[in-house]
Every structure is written in structure tokens, then in C-alpha cells.
Protein backbone atom coordinates (compact mmCIF):
# COMPACT_ATOMS: atom_id res chain seq x y z
CA MET A 1 0.00 0.00 0.00
CA MET A 2 1.30 3.43 -0.93
CA THR A 3 1.77 5.95 1.90
CA THR A 4 0.06 9.23 1.12
CA PRO A 5 1.34 12.53 2.58
CA ARG A 6 -1.74 12.63 4.82
CA ARG A 7 -1.11 9.11 6.13
CA ALA A 8 2.60 9.89 6.70
CA ASN A 9 1.63 13.06 8.60
CA MET A 10 -0.81 11.06 10.77
CA LYS A 11 1.96 8.60 11.63
CA GLN A 12 4.32 11.44 12.58
CA THR A 13 1.63 13.08 14.73
CA ALA A 14 0.96 9.78 16.49
CA LEU A 15 4.68 9.31 17.20
CA LEU A 16 4.95 12.81 18.64
CA THR A 17 1.95 12.34 20.90
CA LEU A 18 2.77 8.87 22.26
CA PRO A 19 5.36 10.25 24.73
CA ALA A 20 2.85 12.90 25.78
CA LEU A 21 0.22 10.27 26.43
CA LEU A 22 2.65 8.21 28.50
CA LEU A 23 3.76 11.23 30.53
CA ALA A 24 0.15 12.27 31.08
CA LEU A 25 -0.37 8.99 32.94
CA LEU A 26 1.97 10.33 35.63
CA ALA A 27 -0.48 13.12 36.53
CA PRO A 28 -0.91 14.32 39.21
CA ARG A 29 2.53 13.16 40.39
CA PRO A 30 5.31 15.77 40.03
CA PHE A 31 7.31 15.64 36.81
CA LEU A 32 10.27 17.80 35.77
CA ALA A 33 11.88 17.71 32.30
CA LEU A 34 15.15 19.50 31.57
CA THR A 35 16.13 19.48 27.89
CA GLY A 36 18.72 21.23 25.76
CA ASP A 37 17.48 22.80 22.54
CA MET A 38 20.43 21.21 20.72
CA ASP A 39 19.77 17.69 22.05
CA TYR A 40 19.09 15.89 18.79
CA GLY A 41 17.51 12.96 20.65
CA SER A 42 14.79 15.33 21.87
CA PRO A 43 13.85 17.74 19.07
CA VAL A 44 12.48 21.01 20.44
CA ASP A 45 9.38 20.97 18.26
CA GLY A 46 8.47 17.56 19.70
CA ILE A 47 9.19 18.77 23.23
CA ARG A 48 6.83 21.71 22.69
CA VAL A 49 4.05 19.33 21.57
CA ILE A 50 4.62 17.21 24.67
CA GLU A 51 4.64 20.27 26.94
CA GLU A 52 1.36 21.52 25.54
CA LYS A 53 -0.45 18.19 25.76
CA VAL A 54 0.87 17.11 29.15
CA SER A 55 0.41 20.51 30.79
CA ARG A 56 -3.22 20.43 29.63
CA VAL A 57 -3.73 17.12 31.47
CA TYR A 58 -2.04 18.41 34.62
CA ARG A 59 -4.28 21.50 34.55
CA ALA A 60 -7.37 19.30 34.09
CA VAL A 61 -6.57 17.34 37.26
CA GLY A 62 -5.76 20.50 39.24
CA ALA A 63 -2.03 19.86 39.38
CA SER A 64 -0.53 22.38 36.96
CA ASP A 65 2.18 23.25 39.49
CA ARG A 66 3.40 19.62 39.40
CA PHE A 67 4.47 19.63 35.75
CA LYS A 68 7.44 21.64 34.60
CA SER A 69 9.47 21.48 31.41
CA ILE A 70 12.44 23.73 30.70
CA VAL A 71 14.28 23.90 27.38
CA TYR A 72 17.76 25.40 27.76
CA ARG A 73 19.09 27.50 24.86
CA ASP A 74 22.33 26.53 23.12
CA THR A 75 22.51 23.30 25.12
CA GLY A 76 22.96 19.75 23.88
CA HIS A 77 22.56 16.42 25.65
CA VAL A 78 24.40 17.51 28.79
CA TYR A 79 23.81 18.11 32.49
CA THR A 80 24.58 21.74 33.41
CA PRO A 81 24.93 23.51 36.77
CA GLU A 82 21.66 25.34 36.02
CA MET A 83 19.90 22.02 35.44
CA ARG A 84 21.32 20.67 38.68
CA ALA A 85 20.07 23.70 40.62
CA GLU A 86 16.61 23.38 39.07
CA MET A 87 16.51 19.67 39.85
CA LEU A 88 17.57 20.14 43.47
CA ALA A 89 14.94 22.85 43.99
CA TRP A 90 12.30 20.54 42.46
CA PHE A 91 13.37 17.67 44.72
CA GLU A 92 13.30 19.95 47.75
CA ARG A 93 9.79 21.05 46.89
CA TRP A 94 8.24 17.72 45.95
CA LEU A 95 10.31 14.98 47.63
CA LYS A 96 10.96 16.62 50.97
CA PRO A 97 9.70 14.44 53.85
CA GLY A 98 6.42 15.70 55.22
CA HIS A 99 5.42 17.49 52.00
CA ALA A 100 1.65 17.44 51.57
CA LYS A 101 0.74 15.06 48.78
């Protein structure tokens, strides 16, 4: 069977939304994503689709503060001091013993 442009586009859309659907299953548990805009394993346009879809689910369950995604400019697949600081602050907020669930 020949793949039409419409069918190819549908397949691409499905592939971009599958990670969003899987991440949405985590709601309302806290989730932090730290991505570099030059990380070729995580294309920014796909990250933006995921952010939009997953944040919508978190808002729907009243947990918008528990989903955060940051895309760092001019950054590849690395772990930076800024990412570390963001991660530690997130852990302090959400994993600290006694934190209201």
C-alpha cells in the first residue's frame, strides 16, 4: 500500500503524541523535564508538543504546578549547573519528607 502525505503526517503526529500520552499517565505526580534545545535525541518541536499536551492534562486534574518542562538554549545532551540547581529545587519542593501530597 502506498503511503500518502496525509497518512505519513498522521503517523508522525501519532509518534509525537505517544510520549505525551505516557507522561500524562503520571499526573498528578510531580514531573520535571530539563532538555537542551540542541539535544538531537529530543527535538524542540516535539518537546513543545509534549509540553502543551501534558500541561493540559495536569491542569485538568488541578495539578498544573506539578508539571514543569524547561528547554535550555544553546545546550545539547548535557547536564549543566543550572539544570542541577533546578533539579535540586524541584526535589526539595516535591520529595521533601512531610510534603503534603
